[in-house]
Protein backbone atom coordinates (compact mmCIF):
# COMPACT_ATOMS: atom_id res chain seq x y z
CA MET A 1 10.84 9.14 30.34
CA THR A 2 9.95 12.95 30.97
CA PRO A 3 7.74 13.64 33.78
CA THR A 4 4.37 14.61 32.89
CA ASN A 5 3.19 18.31 33.35
CA ILE A 6 0.03 18.14 34.90
CA LEU A 7 -1.76 21.47 34.27
CA THR A 8 -5.27 23.13 35.96
CA GLY A 9 -7.58 25.35 35.28
CA THR A 10 -10.31 26.82 33.62
CA THR A 11 -8.78 27.03 29.92
CA ASN A 12 -10.92 28.55 27.52
CA ILE A 13 -12.74 25.82 25.89
CA THR A 14 -12.27 27.81 22.39
CA ALA A 15 -8.88 27.89 22.38
CA ALA A 16 -6.08 25.75 19.95
CA LEU A 17 -5.78 22.21 21.63
CA PRO A 18 -1.80 21.90 21.88
CA SER A 19 -0.89 18.99 19.74
CA GLU A 20 1.29 17.24 22.18
CA THR A 21 -1.02 18.10 24.84
CA ILE A 22 -4.02 15.59 26.37
CA THR A 23 -7.09 17.67 27.42
CA VAL A 24 -9.16 16.21 30.20
CA TRP A 25 -12.48 18.09 30.97
CA TYR A 26 -14.67 17.01 33.70
CA GLY A 27 -17.86 17.62 36.09
CA LEU A 28 -20.80 16.82 37.42
CA ILE A 29 -23.23 15.61 35.08
CA LYS A 30 -26.69 17.61 35.63
CA THR A 31 -29.90 16.19 34.05
CA GLN A 32 -31.97 19.26 34.88
CA ASP A 33 -28.95 21.32 32.57
CA SER A 34 -31.14 23.94 30.82
CA ASN A 35 -29.29 22.79 27.71
CA TYR A 36 -31.14 19.62 27.67
CA ARG A 37 -33.02 19.95 24.72
CA HIS A 38 -30.18 21.47 22.83
CA TYR A 39 -28.14 18.21 23.51
CA TRP A 40 -31.22 15.84 22.57
CA GLN A 41 -31.13 17.65 19.23
CA MET A 42 -27.49 17.44 18.46
CA LEU A 43 -27.12 13.33 18.97
CA ASP A 44 -27.83 11.41 15.94
CA VAL A 45 -30.21 8.76 15.57
CA ASN A 46 -28.11 6.05 16.71
CA GLU A 47 -27.09 7.90 19.83
CA GLN A 48 -31.11 8.80 20.53
CA HIS A 49 -31.81 5.27 20.05
CA HIS A 50 -29.35 4.02 22.38
CA ALA A 51 -30.85 6.86 25.11
CA GLN A 52 -34.58 5.44 24.58
CA GLN A 53 -33.31 2.08 25.12
CA LEU A 54 -31.56 2.74 28.83
CA LYS A 55 -33.36 1.52 31.85
CA ASN A 56 -34.77 4.60 33.30
CA GLU A 57 -35.36 8.37 32.81
CA LEU A 58 -32.15 8.99 35.08
CA VAL A 59 -29.78 7.28 33.01
CA GLN A 60 -31.29 8.36 30.12
CA ARG A 61 -31.04 12.28 30.97
CA ARG A 62 -27.08 11.57 31.97
CA TYR A 63 -26.54 9.90 28.71
CA VAL A 64 -27.70 12.58 26.65
CA THR A 65 -25.80 15.44 28.53
CA VAL A 66 -22.70 13.95 28.85
CA HIS A 67 -23.09 12.88 24.81
CA GLY A 68 -24.20 16.34 23.86
CA GLN A 69 -21.07 17.95 26.29
CA LEU A 70 -18.89 15.91 24.44
CA ARG A 71 -20.42 16.90 20.91
CA CYS A 72 -19.78 20.48 22.14
CA LEU A 73 -16.18 20.03 23.10
CA LEU A 74 -15.41 18.56 19.70
CA ALA A 75 -17.51 21.04 17.65
CA GLN A 76 -15.50 23.76 19.54
CA THR A 77 -12.05 22.16 18.95
CA LEU A 78 -12.98 21.86 15.08
CA GLN A 79 -15.24 24.81 14.45
CA GLN A 80 -17.80 22.57 13.34
CA ALA A 81 -21.59 22.37 14.49
CA PRO A 82 -21.90 19.78 17.23
CA GLU A 83 -25.23 17.96 15.30
CA LYS A 84 -23.23 17.85 11.91
CA LEU A 85 -20.33 15.78 13.35
CA ILE A 86 -20.29 12.19 12.26
CA ILE A 87 -19.44 9.93 15.18
CA ASN A 88 -19.02 6.34 14.02
CA LYS A 89 -17.77 3.23 16.06
CA ALA A 90 -15.09 1.02 15.12
CA ALA A 91 -15.56 -3.08 14.94
CA HIS A 92 -14.98 -3.48 18.83
CA GLY A 93 -17.03 -0.41 19.45
CA LYS A 94 -14.69 2.60 19.96
CA PRO A 95 -16.23 5.55 19.39
CA TYR A 96 -14.09 7.91 16.29
CA LEU A 97 -14.90 11.03 14.09
CA ALA A 98 -15.26 10.06 10.34
CA ASP A 99 -14.50 13.09 9.40
CA TYR A 100 -11.41 14.07 11.43
CA PRO A 101 -10.03 10.81 12.16
CA GLN A 102 -6.72 12.32 13.64
CA LEU A 103 -8.69 13.94 16.53
CA ALA A 104 -9.17 11.14 19.54
CA PHE A 105 -11.59 11.30 22.10
CA ASN A 106 -12.86 9.54 24.47
CA LEU A 107 -15.60 9.07 27.23
CA SER A 108 -16.46 7.67 30.40
CA HIS A 109 -18.82 8.31 33.62
CA SER A 110 -19.69 6.96 36.58
CA GLY A 111 -22.99 7.92 38.57
CA ASN A 112 -22.98 11.63 38.06
CA VAL A 113 -18.99 12.13 37.34
CA PHE A 114 -17.81 12.53 33.66
CA VAL A 115 -14.38 12.83 32.13
CA ILE A 116 -13.83 13.52 28.55
CA ALA A 117 -10.34 12.88 26.88
CA LEU A 118 -9.37 15.18 23.44
CA GLY A 119 -5.51 14.92 21.96
CA TRP A 120 -4.40 14.95 18.56
CA HIS A 121 -2.77 11.88 16.57
CA CYS A 122 -2.78 9.32 18.89
CA GLN A 123 -5.08 6.45 20.85
CA LEU A 124 -6.13 7.31 23.96
CA GLY A 125 -8.66 5.73 26.55
CA ILE A 126 -10.10 7.34 30.07
CA ASP A 127 -12.17 6.18 32.35
CA VAL A 128 -13.89 7.26 35.95
CA GLU A 129 -15.15 5.19 39.10
CA SER A 130 -16.88 6.37 41.96
CA VAL A 131 -16.36 4.09 44.81
CA LYS A 132 -18.75 1.87 45.81
CA GLN A 133 -19.15 -1.03 48.36
CA ARG A 134 -17.73 -4.33 46.84
CA PRO A 135 -17.30 -7.32 49.14
CA ASN A 136 -16.21 -9.44 46.38
CA LEU A 137 -12.46 -7.34 45.75
CA PRO A 138 -10.56 -10.59 46.29
CA ALA A 139 -12.00 -12.09 43.65
CA LEU A 140 -12.23 -9.32 41.55
CA VAL A 141 -8.32 -9.48 41.75
CA LYS A 142 -8.14 -12.82 41.00
CA LYS A 143 -10.08 -12.77 37.89
CA CYS A 144 -8.80 -9.32 36.46
CA PHE A 145 -5.24 -8.80 38.22
CA ALA A 146 -2.35 -10.54 36.69
CA GLN A 147 -0.42 -12.19 39.44
CA GLU A 148 2.41 -9.59 40.13
CA GLU A 149 -0.56 -7.20 40.58
CA ALA A 150 -2.07 -9.03 42.65
CA ASP A 151 0.79 -10.24 45.25
CA TYR A 152 1.14 -6.60 45.20
CA TRP A 153 -2.46 -5.60 46.12
CA GLN A 154 -2.69 -8.79 48.65
CA GLN A 155 0.13 -7.12 50.84
CA LEU A 156 -1.17 -3.82 51.32
CA PRO A 157 -2.68 -2.65 54.75
CA ASP A 158 -6.31 -3.83 54.56
CA GLU A 159 -7.29 0.02 54.59
CA GLN A 160 -5.37 0.52 51.37
CA LYS A 161 -7.02 -1.91 49.35
CA THR A 162 -10.04 -0.73 48.18
CA ALA A 163 -8.18 2.77 46.88
CA GLU A 164 -5.57 0.95 45.22
CA PHE A 165 -8.26 -1.78 43.62
CA TYR A 166 -10.14 1.15 42.17
CA ARG A 167 -6.14 2.38 40.71
CA PHE A 168 -5.55 -0.64 39.02
CA TRP A 169 -9.21 -0.55 37.84
CA THR A 170 -8.99 2.55 36.40
CA ARG A 171 -5.85 2.46 34.88
CA LYS A 172 -6.60 -1.24 32.67
CA GLU A 173 -9.91 0.17 31.95
CA ALA A 174 -8.39 3.40 30.29
CA PHE A 175 -6.11 1.45 28.45
CA VAL A 176 -8.18 -1.36 27.08
CA LYS A 177 -10.42 1.66 25.96
CA ALA A 178 -7.62 3.35 24.33
CA THR A 179 -6.62 0.04 22.28
CA GLY A 180 -10.15 -0.15 21.05
CA PHE A 181 -10.63 -3.97 22.01
CA GLY A 182 -12.52 -3.06 25.34
CA ILE A 183 -12.53 -5.43 28.10
CA ALA A 184 -12.62 -8.34 25.60
CA LEU A 185 -8.54 -7.90 25.57
CA GLY A 186 -8.74 -9.02 28.85
CA LEU A 187 -7.82 -7.07 32.03
CA GLN A 188 -5.45 -9.71 33.51
CA HIS A 189 -3.27 -9.70 30.29
CA CYS A 190 -2.85 -5.94 30.70
CA VAL A 191 0.14 -5.87 33.58
CA ILE A 192 0.95 -2.46 35.07
CA ASN A 193 4.44 -2.42 36.85
CA PRO A 194 3.09 -2.36 40.61
CA GLN A 195 6.55 -0.24 41.12
CA LYS A 196 5.78 2.22 38.36
CA PRO A 197 2.31 2.28 37.59
CA SER A 198 3.01 4.85 34.58
CA THR A 199 4.25 1.73 32.50
CA PHE A 200 3.23 -1.53 31.80
CA LEU A 201 4.88 -4.90 32.44
CA ARG A 202 3.59 -6.74 29.30
CA LEU A 203 0.60 -6.40 27.33
CA PRO A 204 -1.12 -8.52 24.53
CA ALA A 205 0.66 -8.54 21.53
CA ALA A 206 -2.06 -6.78 19.34
CA CYS A 207 -1.66 -3.83 21.07
CA GLY A 208 2.43 -3.71 20.44
CA ASP A 209 5.51 -2.72 22.54
CA ALA A 210 4.42 -2.18 26.57
CA GLU A 211 6.87 0.65 26.38
CA ASN A 212 5.19 2.84 23.72
CA TRP A 213 2.16 2.95 25.99
CA ARG A 214 1.50 5.61 29.11
CA ILE A 215 -0.39 5.58 32.18
CA GLN A 216 -1.38 8.92 34.27
CA ASP A 217 -3.93 8.92 37.25
CA ILE A 218 -6.16 11.92 37.00
CA ASP A 219 -6.70 13.95 39.89
CA LEU A 220 -10.56 15.37 39.84
CA PRO A 221 -11.12 17.95 42.18
CA ASN A 222 -14.48 19.84 43.52
CA LEU A 223 -16.72 16.88 43.47
CA GLY A 224 -18.11 16.86 46.69
CA THR A 225 -18.59 13.76 48.73
CA ASN A 226 -17.89 11.69 45.55
CA ILE A 227 -14.97 9.67 46.16
CA ILE A 228 -13.54 9.11 42.70
CA TYR A 229 -10.92 7.70 40.39
CA SER A 230 -9.84 8.37 37.17
CA ALA A 231 -7.02 7.21 34.75
CA LEU A 232 -6.03 8.13 31.20
CA SER A 233 -3.77 5.84 28.90
CA ILE A 234 -2.09 6.93 25.58
CA ASP A 235 0.49 5.25 23.29
CA LYS A 236 3.31 7.61 23.23
CA THR A 237 4.96 9.87 25.98
CA ILE A 238 2.09 12.45 27.28
CA THR A 239 4.11 15.47 27.74
CA ALA A 240 1.00 17.65 29.18
CA VAL A 241 -2.12 16.87 30.53
CA GLN A 242 -4.51 19.69 30.92
CA ILE A 243 -7.21 19.22 33.39
CA ASN A 244 -10.56 21.20 33.16
CA GLU A 245 -13.53 21.60 35.38
CA LEU A 246 -16.25 22.14 32.93
CA PRO A 247 -18.63 24.79 34.63
CA VAL A 248 -21.88 23.42 35.35
CA MET A 249 -23.67 26.66 33.60
CA PHE A 250 -21.31 27.09 30.80
CA GLN A 251 -22.84 28.17 27.98
CA PHE A 252 -20.74 26.51 25.33
CA CYS A 253 -23.17 25.61 22.46
């Protein structure tokens, strides 16, 4: 496989999205964003209803903010009004653009950090996780890792186990999101090659050949004291990944 070209910077959001490049935008979710009211108005009825059902105001505001930012990024890419975009959900809940199915996108957020991935003519998924104390890591590994992955994890020094758990977890989550099946696919059945973690050893039959999928760990700098792990999965060779931090006060709508 040709090595992935990792690019970082502040690419103009209005620039055309290259056909062979996956673009990742990330940043901190600012719930007091001056654009919040506009974000709310961009959402469709289903998104607004979902936001209202969330457990508290902070979670609601994070949801509205990041989904508004997603609509802005999609709108700029397609040169359309963000509130006019029709976002539907497939059978297992993966969102897609009804009028522009050729533009793949995926969103993840954890705490106050978000990531959004965009790409043409592909299936893609992205995940981000903020590290938290998990006393039950061995139990999670036993439940969600295949034997090869668990054996690899068990032999690591204790000080490396938390980081490596999150790396495997985000890779698996990104993959099941890319397929559209979600975690119902069974994380333990999506087996990453511990010796070459950009590839899979085997996958459920419904996902096609393991050799057709790729994984890319994503580095997200400048996020303060947050310890973050993120990964991208896609159903073709990734020739380049453009990683951009979305400026907090960036006026893009």
